Amino acid sequence: KFEMRSLTVLAVALLGVTLAMRDQSIGVKGRLLCGEKPAANVRVKLWEEDSGPDPDDLLDQGYTDSNGEFSLKGGTAELTPIDPVFKVYHDCDDGIKPGSRKVKFSLPKSYITQGKEAKK
């Protein structure tokens, strides 16, 4: 009897946590320049950063086009508001250094949409 009650309580608690998870999404688009020229074929990623043991979530990734333009969007289900970041991996003005440099931008929470589709 005790095991069955414990199992029932655990199942109800897990159901409550699952229902509390809410879909949140975000999108980012723009144009990157290297000096005055379009930054073409630059890797861009949209992440949701998590603290603690929960790993960060890659929401979307891609490359800039020949005009340096990009558009990323994605979402995830979280208990708390998501912490979206935009990362750019580039070689702009770095001479002959191997590998890409990474620049990270935190995105404003006001751009988060409740639901599965980014609307802002």
PDB file of N, CA and C in Angstrom:
ATOM      1  N   LYS A   1       0.818  -1.196   0.000  1.00  0.00           N
ATOM      2  CA  LYS A   1       0.000   0.000   0.000  1.00  0.00           C
ATOM      3  C   LYS A   1       0.861   1.259   0.000  1.00  0.00           C
ATOM      4  N   PHE A   2       1.901   1.280   0.844  1.00  0.00           N
ATOM      5  CA  PHE A   2       2.744   2.464   0.933  1.00  0.00           C
ATOM      6  C   PHE A   2       3.429   2.751  -0.401  1.00  0.00           C
ATOM      7  N   GLU A   3       3.928   1.689  -1.057  1.00  0.00           N
ATOM      8  CA  GLU A   3       4.605   1.874  -2.339  1.00  0.00           C
ATOM      9  C   GLU A   3       3.645   2.427  -3.385  1.00  0.00           C
ATOM     10  N   MET A   4       2.420   1.951  -3.399  1.00  0.00           N
ATOM     11  CA  MET A   4       1.440   2.411  -4.379  1.00  0.00           C
ATOM     12  C   MET A   4       1.092   3.879  -4.153  1.00  0.00           C
ATOM     13  N   ARG A   5       0.954   4.287  -2.891  1.00  0.00           N
ATOM     14  CA  ARG A   5       0.662   5.694  -2.590  1.00  0.00           C
ATOM     15  C   ARG A   5       1.827   6.581  -3.021  1.00  0.00           C
ATOM     16  N   SER A   6       3.041   6.129  -2.712  1.00  0.00           N
ATOM     17  CA  SER A   6       4.230   6.897  -3.094  1.00  0.00           C
ATOM     18  C   SER A   6       4.312   7.043  -4.605  1.00  0.00           C
ATOM     19  N   LEU A   7       3.999   5.963  -5.307  1.00  0.00           N
ATOM     20  CA  LEU A   7       4.019   5.988  -6.768  1.00  0.00           C
ATOM     21  C   LEU A   7       2.963   6.943  -7.311  1.00  0.00           C
ATOM     22  N   THR A   8       1.786   6.951  -6.704  1.00  0.00           N
ATOM     23  CA  THR A   8       0.712   7.846  -7.137  1.00  0.00           C
ATOM     24  C   THR A   8       1.095   9.302  -6.902  1.00  0.00           C
ATOM     25  N   VAL A   9       1.665   9.596  -5.730  1.00  0.00           N
ATOM     26  CA  VAL A   9       2.091  10.958  -5.414  1.00  0.00           C
ATOM     27  C   VAL A   9       3.171  11.408  -6.397  1.00  0.00           C
ATOM     28  N   LEU A  10       4.113  10.527  -6.704  1.00  0.00           N
ATOM     29  CA  LEU A  10       5.175  10.856  -7.647  1.00  0.00           C
ATOM     30  C   LEU A  10       4.601  11.122  -9.037  1.00  0.00           C
ATOM     31  N   ALA A  11       3.664  10.310  -9.474  1.00  0.00           N
ATOM     32  CA  ALA A  11       3.048  10.492 -10.791  1.00  0.00           C
ATOM     33  C   ALA A  11       2.298  11.815 -10.871  1.00  0.00           C
ATOM     34  N   VAL A  12       1.574  12.171  -9.830  1.00  0.00           N
ATOM     35  CA  VAL A  12       0.841  13.439  -9.806  1.00  0.00           C
ATOM     36  C   VAL A  12       1.822  14.615  -9.811  1.00  0.00           C
ATOM     37  N   ALA A  13       2.910  14.510  -9.061  1.00  0.00           N
ATOM     38  CA  ALA A  13       3.915  15.578  -9.020  1.00  0.00           C
ATOM     39  C   ALA A  13       4.564  15.763 -10.390  1.00  0.00           C
ATOM     40  N   LEU A  14       4.903  14.664 -11.056  1.00  0.00           N
ATOM     41  CA  LEU A  14       5.500  14.750 -12.389  1.00  0.00           C
ATOM     42  C   LEU A  14       4.527  15.347 -13.397  1.00  0.00           C
ATOM     43  N   LEU A  15       3.262  15.012 -13.282  1.00  0.00           N
ATOM     44  CA  LEU A  15       2.247  15.570 -14.167  1.00  0.00           C
ATOM     45  C   LEU A  15       2.149  17.082 -13.964  1.00  0.00           C
ATOM     46  N   GLY A  16       2.219  17.528 -12.717  1.00  0.00           N
ATOM     47  CA  GLY A  16       2.164  18.962 -12.421  1.00  0.00           C
ATOM     48  C   GLY A  16       3.342  19.706 -13.023  1.00  0.00           C
ATOM     49  N   VAL A  17       4.542  19.140 -12.931  1.00  0.00           N
ATOM     50  CA  VAL A  17       5.727  19.769 -13.511  1.00  0.00           C
ATOM     51  C   VAL A  17       5.607  19.816 -15.028  1.00  0.00           C
ATOM     52  N   THR A  18       5.142  18.741 -15.634  1.00  0.00           N
ATOM     53  CA  THR A  18       4.979  18.690 -17.088  1.00  0.00           C
ATOM     54  C   THR A  18       3.985  19.740 -17.560  1.00  0.00           C
ATOM     55  N   LEU A  19       2.887  19.901 -16.852  1.00  0.00           N
ATOM     56  CA  LEU A  19       1.883  20.892 -17.234  1.00  0.00           C
ATOM     57  C   LEU A  19       2.383  22.318 -17.029  1.00  0.00           C
ATOM     58  N   ALA A  20       3.301  22.507 -16.061  1.00  0.00           N
ATOM     59  CA  ALA A  20       3.826  23.846 -15.786  1.00  0.00           C
ATOM     60  C   ALA A  20       4.836  24.294 -16.845  1.00  0.00           C
ATOM     61  N   MET A  21       5.436  23.338 -17.552  1.00  0.00           N
ATOM     62  CA  MET A  21       6.367  23.685 -18.627  1.00  0.00           C
ATOM     63  C   MET A  21       5.585  24.429 -19.698  1.00  0.00           C
ATOM     64  N   ARG A  22       6.126  25.543 -20.148  1.00  0.00           N
ATOM     65  CA  ARG A  22       5.397  26.291 -21.172  1.00  0.00           C
ATOM     66  C   ARG A  22       6.292  26.536 -22.381  1.00  0.00           C
ATOM     67  N   ASP A  23       5.667  26.450 -23.548  1.00  0.00           N
ATOM     68  CA  ASP A  23       6.384  26.699 -24.791  1.00  0.00           C
ATOM     69  C   ASP A  23       6.709  28.179 -24.900  1.00  0.00           C
ATOM     70  N   GLN A  24       7.961  28.463 -25.263  1.00  0.00           N
ATOM     71  CA  GLN A  24       8.420  29.829 -25.465  1.00  0.00           C
ATOM     72  C   GLN A  24       9.292  29.845 -26.716  1.00  0.00           C
ATOM     73  N   SER A  25       9.210  30.896 -27.491  1.00  0.00           N
ATOM     74  CA  SER A  25       9.989  30.963 -28.722  1.00  0.00           C
ATOM     75  C   SER A  25      10.548  32.363 -28.932  1.00  0.00           C
ATOM     76  N   ILE A  26      11.532  32.429 -29.819  1.00  0.00           N
ATOM     77  CA  ILE A  26      12.172  33.709 -30.138  1.00  0.00           C
ATOM     78  C   ILE A  26      12.765  33.620 -31.536  1.00  0.00           C
ATOM     79  N   GLY A  27      12.875  34.756 -32.176  1.00  0.00           N
ATOM     80  CA  GLY A  27      13.501  34.830 -33.488  1.00  0.00           C
ATOM     81  C   GLY A  27      14.464  35.999 -33.530  1.00  0.00           C
ATOM     82  N   VAL A  28      15.467  35.884 -34.379  1.00  0.00           N
ATOM     83  CA  VAL A  28      16.425  36.973 -34.573  1.00  0.00           C
ATOM     84  C   VAL A  28      16.790  36.997 -36.055  1.00  0.00           C
ATOM     85  N   LYS A  29      16.797  38.189 -36.627  1.00  0.00           N
ATOM     86  CA  LYS A  29      17.217  38.326 -38.022  1.00  0.00           C
ATOM     87  C   LYS A  29      17.968  39.631 -38.171  1.00  0.00           C
ATOM     88  N   GLY A  30      18.812  39.687 -39.185  1.00  0.00           N
ATOM     89  CA  GLY A  30      19.583  40.900 -39.383  1.00  0.00           C
ATOM     90  C   GLY A  30      20.604  40.743 -40.478  1.00  0.00           C
ATOM     91  N   ARG A  31      21.566  41.656 -40.461  1.00  0.00           N
ATOM     92  CA  ARG A  31      22.626  41.668 -41.467  1.00  0.00           C
ATOM     93  C   ARG A  31      23.942  41.946 -40.763  1.00  0.00           C
ATOM     94  N   LEU A  32      24.945  41.143 -41.063  1.00  0.00           N
ATOM     95  CA  LEU A  32      26.272  41.320 -40.479  1.00  0.00           C
ATOM     96  C   LEU A  32      27.214  41.908 -41.521  1.00  0.00           C
ATOM     97  N   LEU A  33      28.038  42.827 -41.068  1.00  0.00           N
ATOM     98  CA  LEU A  33      29.040  43.448 -41.927  1.00  0.00           C
ATOM     99  C   LEU A  33      30.423  43.235 -41.332  1.00  0.00           C
ATOM    100  N   CYS A  34      31.412  43.144 -42.209  1.00  0.00           N
ATOM    101  CA  CYS A  34      32.816  43.136 -41.801  1.00  0.00           C
ATOM    102  C   CYS A  34      33.388  44.414 -42.396  1.00  0.00           C
ATOM    103  N   GLY A  35      33.506  45.436 -41.564  1.00  0.00           N
ATOM    104  CA  GLY A  35      33.833  46.762 -42.082  1.00  0.00           C
ATOM    105  C   GLY A  35      32.616  47.283 -42.824  1.00  0.00           C
ATOM    106  N   GLU A  36      32.784  47.583 -44.096  1.00  0.00           N
ATOM    107  CA  GLU A  36      31.661  48.056 -44.907  1.00  0.00           C
ATOM    108  C   GLU A  36      31.133  46.986 -45.851  1.00  0.00           C
ATOM    109  N   LYS A  37      31.725  45.781 -45.809  1.00  0.00           N
ATOM    110  CA  LYS A  37      31.323  44.701 -46.715  1.00  0.00           C
ATOM    111  C   LYS A  37      30.435  43.696 -45.991  1.00  0.00           C
ATOM    112  N   PRO A  38      29.511  43.064 -46.725  1.00  0.00           N
ATOM    113  CA  PRO A  38      28.681  42.023 -46.107  1.00  0.00           C
ATOM    114  C   PRO A  38      29.548  40.880 -45.580  1.00  0.00           C
ATOM    115  N   ALA A  39      29.218  40.387 -44.405  1.00  0.00           N
ATOM    116  CA  ALA A  39      29.921  39.240 -43.824  1.00  0.00           C
ATOM    117  C   ALA A  39      29.209  37.976 -44.296  1.00  0.00           C
ATOM    118  N   ALA A  40      29.651  37.452 -45.436  1.00  0.00           N
ATOM    119  CA  ALA A  40      29.009  36.281 -46.042  1.00  0.00           C
ATOM    120  C   ALA A  40      29.526  34.986 -45.427  1.00  0.00           C
ATOM    121  N   ASN A  41      28.662  33.980 -45.393  1.00  0.00           N
ATOM    122  CA  ASN A  41      29.001  32.628 -44.940  1.00  0.00           C
ATOM    123  C   ASN A  41      29.528  32.597 -43.501  1.00  0.00           C
ATOM    124  N   VAL A  42      28.962  33.420 -42.648  1.00  0.00           N
ATOM    125  CA  VAL A  42      29.328  33.459 -41.227  1.00  0.00           C
ATOM    126  C   VAL A  42      28.353  32.571 -40.458  1.00  0.00           C
ATOM    127  N   ARG A  43      28.888  31.713 -39.600  1.00  0.00           N
ATOM    128  CA  ARG A  43      28.042  30.802 -38.811  1.00  0.00           C
ATOM    129  C   ARG A  43      27.337  31.595 -37.710  1.00  0.00           C
ATOM    130  N   VAL A  44      26.023  31.383 -37.581  1.00  0.00           N
ATOM    131  CA  VAL A  44      25.225  32.035 -36.538  1.00  0.00           C
ATOM    132  C   VAL A  44      24.385  30.976 -35.828  1.00  0.00           C
ATOM    133  N   LYS A  45      24.226  31.153 -34.513  1.00  0.00           N
ATOM    134  CA  LYS A  45      23.459  30.186 -33.718  1.00  0.00           C
ATOM    135  C   LYS A  45      22.566  30.918 -32.719  1.00  0.00           C
ATOM    136  N   LEU A  46      21.405  30.345 -32.488  1.00  0.00           N
ATOM    137  CA  LEU A  46      20.455  30.844 -31.495  1.00  0.00           C
ATOM    138  C   LEU A  46      20.370  29.800 -30.387  1.00  0.00           C
ATOM    139  N   TRP A  47      20.739  30.199 -29.183  1.00  0.00           N
ATOM    140  CA  TRP A  47      20.782  29.296 -28.031  1.00  0.00           C
ATOM    141  C   TRP A  47      19.830  29.760 -26.940  1.00  0.00           C
ATOM    142  N   GLU A  48      19.442  28.812 -26.105  1.00  0.00           N
ATOM    143  CA  GLU A  48      18.742  29.107 -24.856  1.00  0.00           C
ATOM    144  C   GLU A  48      19.671  28.615 -23.765  1.00  0.00           C
ATOM    145  N   GLU A  49      20.224  29.542 -22.981  1.00  0.00           N
ATOM    146  CA  GLU A  49      21.186  29.176 -21.944  1.00  0.00           C
ATOM    147  C   GLU A  49      20.469  28.775 -20.666  1.00  0.00           C
ATOM    148  N   ASP A  50      20.936  27.698 -20.080  1.00  0.00           N
ATOM    149  CA  ASP A  50      20.383  27.204 -18.821  1.00  0.00           C
ATOM    150  C   ASP A  50      21.462  27.220 -17.758  1.00  0.00           C
ATOM    151  N   SER A  51      21.045  27.429 -16.522  1.00  0.00           N
ATOM    152  CA  SER A  51      21.983  27.348 -15.413  1.00  0.00           C
ATOM    153  C   SER A  51      21.771  26.016 -14.710  1.00  0.00           C
ATOM    154  N   GLY A  52      22.773  25.599 -13.970  1.00  0.00           N
ATOM    155  CA  GLY A  52      22.650  24.338 -13.248  1.00  0.00           C
ATOM    156  C   GLY A  52      22.903  23.142 -14.150  1.00  0.00           C
ATOM    157  N   PRO A  53      22.326  22.003 -13.786  1.00  0.00           N
ATOM    158  CA  PRO A  53      22.629  20.768 -14.508  1.00  0.00           C
ATOM    159  C   PRO A  53      21.950  20.657 -15.879  1.00  0.00           C
ATOM    160  N   ASP A  54      20.946  21.487 -16.144  1.00  0.00           N
ATOM    161  CA  ASP A  54      20.227  21.428 -17.413  1.00  0.00           C
ATOM    162  C   ASP A  54      21.123  21.980 -18.526  1.00  0.00           C
ATOM    163  N   PRO A  55      21.405  21.194 -19.581  1.00  0.00           N
ATOM    164  CA  PRO A  55      22.281  21.697 -20.643  1.00  0.00           C
ATOM    165  C   PRO A  55      21.605  22.793 -21.469  1.00  0.00           C
ATOM    166  N   ASP A  56      22.428  23.643 -22.081  1.00  0.00           N
ATOM    167  CA  ASP A  56      21.910  24.689 -22.965  1.00  0.00           C
ATOM    168  C   ASP A  56      21.223  24.040 -24.167  1.00  0.00           C
ATOM    169  N   ASP A  57      20.211  24.736 -24.715  1.00  0.00           N
ATOM    170  CA  ASP A  57      19.455  24.214 -25.853  1.00  0.00           C
ATOM    171  C   ASP A  57      19.800  25.004 -27.109  1.00  0.00           C
ATOM    172  N   LEU A  58      20.236  24.302 -28.161  1.00  0.00           N
ATOM    173  CA  LEU A  58      20.446  24.929 -29.461  1.00  0.00           C
ATOM    174  C   LEU A  58      19.085  25.030 -30.127  1.00  0.00           C
ATOM    175  N   LEU A  59      18.605  26.256 -30.356  1.00  0.00           N
ATOM    176  CA  LEU A  59      17.276  26.471 -30.923  1.00  0.00           C
ATOM    177  C   LEU A  59      17.297  26.496 -32.445  1.00  0.00           C
ATOM    178  N   ASP A  60      18.351  27.053 -33.038  1.00  0.00           N
ATOM    179  CA  ASP A  60      18.469  27.127 -34.495  1.00  0.00           C
ATOM    180  C   ASP A  60      19.897  27.531 -34.835  1.00  0.00           C
ATOM    181  N   GLN A  61      20.314  27.229 -36.055  1.00  0.00           N
ATOM    182  CA  GLN A  61      21.640  27.626 -36.512  1.00  0.00           C
ATOM    183  C   GLN A  61      21.635  27.743 -38.026  1.00  0.00           C
ATOM    184  N   GLY A  62      22.605  28.463 -38.536  1.00  0.00           N
ATOM    185  CA  GLY A  62      22.706  28.625 -39.978  1.00  0.00           C
ATOM    186  C   GLY A  62      23.903  29.479 -40.331  1.00  0.00           C
ATOM    187  N   TYR A  63      23.884  30.003 -41.560  1.00  0.00           N
ATOM    188  CA  TYR A  63      24.961  30.848 -42.069  1.00  0.00           C
ATOM    189  C   TYR A  63      24.364  32.093 -42.713  1.00  0.00           C
ATOM    190  N   THR A  64      25.121  33.170 -42.701  1.00  0.00           N
ATOM    191  CA  THR A  64      24.681  34.363 -43.408  1.00  0.00           C
ATOM    192  C   THR A  64      24.756  34.103 -44.909  1.00  0.00           C
ATOM    193  N   ASP A  65      23.917  34.804 -45.668  1.00  0.00           N
ATOM    194  CA  ASP A  65      23.940  34.669 -47.124  1.00  0.00           C
ATOM    195  C   ASP A  65      24.994  35.615 -47.713  1.00  0.00           C
ATOM    196  N   SER A  66      25.028  35.739 -49.022  1.00  0.00           N
ATOM    197  CA  SER A  66      26.045  36.567 -49.681  1.00  0.00           C
ATOM    198  C   SER A  66      25.931  38.047 -49.315  1.00  0.00           C
ATOM    199  N   ASN A  67      24.766  38.473 -48.832  1.00  0.00           N
ATOM    200  CA  ASN A  67      24.579  39.859 -48.377  1.00  0.00           C
ATOM    201  C   ASN A  67      24.814  40.020 -46.876  1.00  0.00           C
ATOM    202  N   GLY A  68      25.217  38.943 -46.194  1.00  0.00           N
ATOM    203  CA  GLY A  68      25.433  38.989 -44.753  1.00  0.00           C
ATOM    204  C   GLY A  68      24.151  38.857 -43.947  1.00  0.00           C
ATOM    205  N   GLU A  69      23.037  38.521 -44.621  1.00  0.00           N
ATOM    206  CA  GLU A  69      21.746  38.441 -43.934  1.00  0.00           C
ATOM    207  C   GLU A  69      21.496  37.042 -43.368  1.00  0.00           C
ATOM    208  N   PHE A  70      20.753  37.008 -42.264  1.00  0.00           N
ATOM    209  CA  PHE A  70      20.420  35.753 -41.591  1.00  0.00           C
ATOM    210  C   PHE A  70      19.045  35.875 -40.960  1.00  0.00           C
ATOM    211  N   SER A  71      18.452  34.729 -40.674  1.00  0.00           N
ATOM    212  CA  SER A  71      17.182  34.668 -39.950  1.00  0.00           C
ATOM    213  C   SER A  71      17.137  33.347 -39.199  1.00  0.00           C
ATOM    214  N   LEU A  72      17.011  33.425 -37.880  1.00  0.00           N
ATOM    215  CA  LEU A  72      16.944  32.238 -37.032  1.00  0.00           C
ATOM    216  C   LEU A  72      15.719  32.333 -36.146  1.00  0.00           C
ATOM    217  N   LYS A  73      15.116  31.185 -35.842  1.00  0.00           N
ATOM    218  CA  LYS A  73      14.018  31.162 -34.877  1.00  0.00           C
ATOM    219  C   LYS A  73      13.924  29.773 -34.279  1.00  0.00           C
ATOM    220  N   GLY A  74      13.413  29.730 -33.064  1.00  0.00           N
ATOM    221  CA  GLY A  74      13.276  28.454 -32.394  1.00  0.00           C
ATOM    222  C   GLY A  74      12.612  28.628 -31.050  1.00  0.00           C
ATOM    223  N   GLY A  75      12.392  27.512 -30.394  1.00  0.00           N
ATOM    224  CA  GLY A  75      11.744  27.566 -29.096  1.00  0.00           C
ATOM    225  C   GLY A  75      11.970  26.301 -28.301  1.00  0.00           C
ATOM    226  N   THR A  76      11.529  26.350 -27.057  1.00  0.00           N
ATOM    227  CA  THR A  76      11.664  25.223 -26.150  1.00  0.00           C
ATOM    228  C   THR A  76      10.634  25.374 -25.038  1.00  0.00           C
ATOM    229  N   ALA A  77      10.420  24.319 -24.297  1.00  0.00           N
ATOM    230  CA  ALA A  77       9.514  24.351 -23.147  1.00  0.00           C
ATOM    231  C   ALA A  77      10.349  24.450 -21.875  1.00  0.00           C
ATOM    232  N   GLU A  78      10.066  25.435 -21.056  1.00  0.00           N
ATOM    233  CA  GLU A  78      10.792  25.664 -19.804  1.00  0.00           C
ATOM    234  C   GLU A  78       9.810  26.083 -18.719  1.00  0.00           C
ATOM    235  N   LEU A  79      10.190  25.841 -17.470  1.00  0.00           N
ATOM    236  CA  LEU A  79       9.384  26.287 -16.328  1.00  0.00           C
ATOM    237  C   LEU A  79       9.485  27.796 -16.142  1.00  0.00           C
ATOM    238  N   THR A  80      10.682  28.327 -16.344  1.00  0.00           N
ATOM    239  CA  THR A  80      10.943  29.752 -16.135  1.00  0.00           C
ATOM    240  C   THR A  80      11.177  30.424 -17.490  1.00  0.00           C
ATOM    241  N   PRO A  81      11.199  31.753 -17.537  1.00  0.00           N
ATOM    242  CA  PRO A  81      11.464  32.418 -18.819  1.00  0.00           C
ATOM    243  C   PRO A  81      12.807  31.983 -19.412  1.00  0.00           C
ATOM    244  N   ILE A  82      12.834  31.801 -20.720  1.00  0.00           N
ATOM    245  CA  ILE A  82      14.066  31.378 -21.374  1.00  0.00           C
ATOM    246  C   ILE A  82      15.081  32.515 -21.381  1.00  0.00           C
ATOM    247  N   ASP A  83      16.351  32.147 -21.499  1.00  0.00           N
ATOM    248  CA  ASP A  83      17.457  33.103 -21.576  1.00  0.00           C
ATOM    249  C   ASP A  83      18.107  32.964 -22.950  1.00  0.00           C
ATOM    250  N   PRO A  84      17.547  33.631 -23.970  1.00  0.00           N
ATOM    251  CA  PRO A  84      18.049  33.451 -25.329  1.00  0.00           C
ATOM    252  C   PRO A  84      19.325  34.249 -25.596  1.00  0.00           C
ATOM    253  N   VAL A  85      20.246  33.632 -26.344  1.00  0.00           N
ATOM    254  CA  VAL A  85      21.467  34.305 -26.766  1.00  0.00           C
ATOM    255  C   VAL A  85      21.708  34.019 -28.247  1.00  0.00           C
ATOM    256  N   PHE A  86      22.318  34.982 -28.915  1.00  0.00           N
ATOM    257  CA  PHE A  86      22.668  34.894 -30.323  1.00  0.00           C
ATOM    258  C   PHE A  86      24.190  34.866 -30.398  1.00  0.00           C
ATOM    259  N   LYS A  87      24.741  33.849 -31.065  1.00  0.00           N
ATOM    260  CA  LYS A  87      26.197  33.720 -31.165  1.00  0.00           C
ATOM    261  C   LYS A  87      26.625  33.796 -32.629  1.00  0.00           C
ATOM    262  N   VAL A  88      27.713  34.534 -32.849  1.00  0.00           N
ATOM    263  CA  VAL A  88      28.280  34.719 -34.181  1.00  0.00           C
ATOM    264  C   VAL A  88      29.707  34.174 -34.153  1.00  0.00           C
ATOM    265  N   TYR A  89      30.038  33.309 -35.109  1.00  0.00           N
ATOM    266  CA  TYR A  89      31.371  32.714 -35.218  1.00  0.00           C
ATOM    267  C   TYR A  89      32.002  33.275 -36.496  1.00  0.00           C
ATOM    268  N   HIS A  90      32.971  34.171 -36.354  1.00  0.00           N
ATOM    269  CA  HIS A  90      33.455  34.914 -37.526  1.00  0.00           C
ATOM    270  C   HIS A  90      34.977  34.974 -37.596  1.00  0.00           C
ATOM    271  N   ASP A  91      35.462  35.371 -38.766  1.00  0.00           N
ATOM    272  CA  ASP A  91      36.890  35.572 -39.016  1.00  0.00           C
ATOM    273  C   ASP A  91      37.168  37.000 -39.486  1.00  0.00           C
ATOM    274  N   CYS A  92      36.281  37.916 -39.206  1.00  0.00           N
ATOM    275  CA  CYS A  92      36.412  39.296 -39.672  1.00  0.00           C
ATOM    276  C   CYS A  92      37.649  39.965 -39.057  1.00  0.00           C
ATOM    277  N   ASP A  93      38.501  40.487 -39.909  1.00  0.00           N
ATOM    278  CA  ASP A  93      39.690  41.250 -39.487  1.00  0.00           C
ATOM    279  C   ASP A  93      40.579  40.520 -38.483  1.00  0.00           C
ATOM    280  N   ASP A  94      40.724  39.201 -38.639  1.00  0.00           N
ATOM    281  CA  ASP A  94      41.615  38.503 -37.707  1.00  0.00           C
ATOM    282  C   ASP A  94      42.872  37.978 -38.399  1.00  0.00           C
ATOM    283  N   GLY A  95      43.160  38.484 -39.591  1.00  0.00           N
ATOM    284  CA  GLY A  95      44.396  38.104 -40.274  1.00  0.00           C
ATOM    285  C   GLY A  95      44.440  36.624 -40.586  1.00  0.00           C
ATOM    286  N   ILE A  96      45.556  35.985 -40.220  1.00  0.00           N
ATOM    287  CA  ILE A  96      45.730  34.567 -40.541  1.00  0.00           C
ATOM    288  C   ILE A  96      45.502  33.658 -39.333  1.00  0.00           C
ATOM    289  N   LYS A  97      44.900  34.176 -38.289  1.00  0.00           N
ATOM    290  CA  LYS A  97      44.646  33.362 -37.099  1.00  0.00           C
ATOM    291  C   LYS A  97      43.734  32.195 -37.453  1.00  0.00           C
ATOM    292  N   PRO A  98      44.087  30.987 -37.012  1.00  0.00           N
ATOM    293  CA  PRO A  98      43.220  29.832 -37.298  1.00  0.00           C
ATOM    294  C   PRO A  98      41.963  29.847 -36.419  1.00  0.00           C
ATOM    295  N   GLY A  99      40.894  29.288 -36.945  1.00  0.00           N
ATOM    296  CA  GLY A  99      39.653  29.190 -36.175  1.00  0.00           C
ATOM    297  C   GLY A  99      38.867  30.486 -36.195  1.00  0.00           C
ATOM    298  N   SER A 100      37.654  30.385 -35.708  1.00  0.00           N
ATOM    299  CA  SER A 100      36.747  31.533 -35.687  1.00  0.00           C
ATOM    300  C   SER A 100      36.655  32.122 -34.291  1.00  0.00           C
ATOM    301  N   ARG A 101      36.425  33.423 -34.245  1.00  0.00           N
ATOM    302  CA  ARG A 101      36.148  34.080 -32.970  1.00  0.00           C
ATOM    303  C   ARG A 101      34.647  34.023 -32.725  1.00  0.00           C
ATOM    304  N   LYS A 102      34.264  33.984 -31.457  1.00  0.00           N
ATOM    305  CA  LYS A 102      32.844  33.921 -31.098  1.00  0.00           C
ATOM    306  C   LYS A 102      32.443  35.200 -30.381  1.00  0.00           C
ATOM    307  N   VAL A 103      31.303  35.754 -30.809  1.00  0.00           N
ATOM    308  CA  VAL A 103      30.715  36.912 -30.137  1.00  0.00           C
ATOM    309  C   VAL A 103      29.319  36.498 -29.699  1.00  0.00           C
ATOM    310  N   LYS A 104      28.983  36.806 -28.449  1.00  0.00           N
ATOM    311  CA  LYS A 104      27.687  36.400 -27.891  1.00  0.00           C
ATOM    312  C   LYS A 104      26.880  37.632 -27.513  1.00  0.00           C
ATOM    313  N   PHE A 105      25.598  37.632 -27.927  1.00  0.00           N
ATOM    314  CA  PHE A 105      24.680  38.717 -27.604  1.00  0.00           C
ATOM    315  C   PHE A 105      23.491  38.157 -26.835  1.00  0.00           C
ATOM    316  N   SER A 106      23.216  38.702 -25.660  1.00  0.00           N
ATOM    317  CA  SER A 106      21.996  38.338 -24.933  1.00  0.00           C
ATOM    318  C   SER A 106      20.828  39.045 -25.601  1.00  0.00           C
ATOM    319  N   LEU A 107      19.732  38.329 -25.793  1.00  0.00           N
ATOM    320  CA  LEU A 107      18.556  38.906 -26.445  1.00  0.00           C
ATOM    321  C   LEU A 107      17.544  39.347 -25.393  1.00  0.00           C
ATOM    322  N   PRO A 108      16.892  40.483 -25.600  1.00  0.00           N
ATOM    323  CA  PRO A 108      15.926  40.995 -24.618  1.00  0.00           C
ATOM    324  C   PRO A 108      14.744  40.048 -24.420  1.00  0.00           C
ATOM    325  N   LYS A 109      14.341  39.900 -23.178  1.00  0.00           N
ATOM    326  CA  LYS A 109      13.207  39.025 -22.858  1.00  0.00           C
ATOM    327  C   LYS A 109      11.909  39.533 -23.482  1.00  0.00           C
ATOM    328  N   SER A 110      11.855  40.820 -23.816  1.00  0.00           N
ATOM    329  CA  SER A 110      10.639  41.371 -24.430  1.00  0.00           C
ATOM    330  C   SER A 110      10.378  40.788 -25.819  1.00  0.00           C
ATOM    331  N   TYR A 111      11.367  40.116 -26.405  1.00  0.00           N
ATOM    332  CA  TYR A 111      11.192  39.502 -27.722  1.00  0.00           C
ATOM    333  C   TYR A 111      10.743  38.046 -27.639  1.00  0.00           C
ATOM    334  N   ILE A 112      10.594  37.516 -26.437  1.00  0.00           N
ATOM    335  CA  ILE A 112      10.136  36.133 -26.262  1.00  0.00           C
ATOM    336  C   ILE A 112       8.634  36.069 -26.503  1.00  0.00           C
ATOM    337  N   THR A 113       8.211  35.083 -27.271  1.00  0.00           N
ATOM    338  CA  THR A 113       6.794  34.843 -27.538  1.00  0.00           C
ATOM    339  C   THR A 113       6.356  33.611 -26.760  1.00  0.00           C
ATOM    340  N   GLN A 114       5.204  33.691 -26.105  1.00  0.00           N
ATOM    341  CA  GLN A 114       4.635  32.512 -25.457  1.00  0.00           C
ATOM    342  C   GLN A 114       3.993  31.667 -26.557  1.00  0.00           C
ATOM    343  N   GLY A 115       4.421  30.432 -26.688  1.00  0.00           N
ATOM    344  CA  GLY A 115       3.911  29.555 -27.736  1.00  0.00           C
ATOM    345  C   GLY A 115       5.048  29.003 -28.573  1.00  0.00           C
ATOM    346  N   LYS A 116       4.695  28.190 -29.565  1.00  0.00           N
ATOM    347  CA  LYS A 116       5.696  27.483 -30.361  1.00  0.00           C
ATOM    348  C   LYS A 116       6.229  28.282 -31.541  1.00  0.00           C
ATOM    349  N   GLU A 117       5.603  29.404 -31.878  1.00  0.00           N
ATOM    350  CA  GLU A 117       6.028  30.173 -33.045  1.00  0.00           C
ATOM    351  C   GLU A 117       6.445  31.585 -32.645  1.00  0.00           C
ATOM    352  N   ALA A 118       7.666  31.972 -33.030  1.00  0.00           N
ATOM    353  CA  ALA A 118       8.162  33.322 -32.739  1.00  0.00           C
ATOM    354  C   ALA A 118       7.379  34.337 -33.559  1.00  0.00           C
ATOM    355  N   LYS A 119       6.868  35.381 -32.890  1.00  0.00           N
ATOM    356  CA  LYS A 119       6.045  36.376 -33.578  1.00  0.00           C
ATOM    357  C   LYS A 119       6.599  37.789 -33.478  1.00  0.00           C
ATOM    358  N   LYS A 120       7.701  37.976 -32.787  1.00  0.00           N
ATOM    359  CA  LYS A 120       8.260  39.329 -32.616  1.00  0.00           C
ATOM    360  C   LYS A 120       9.566  39.455 -33.371  1.00  0.00           C
TER     361      LYS A 120
END
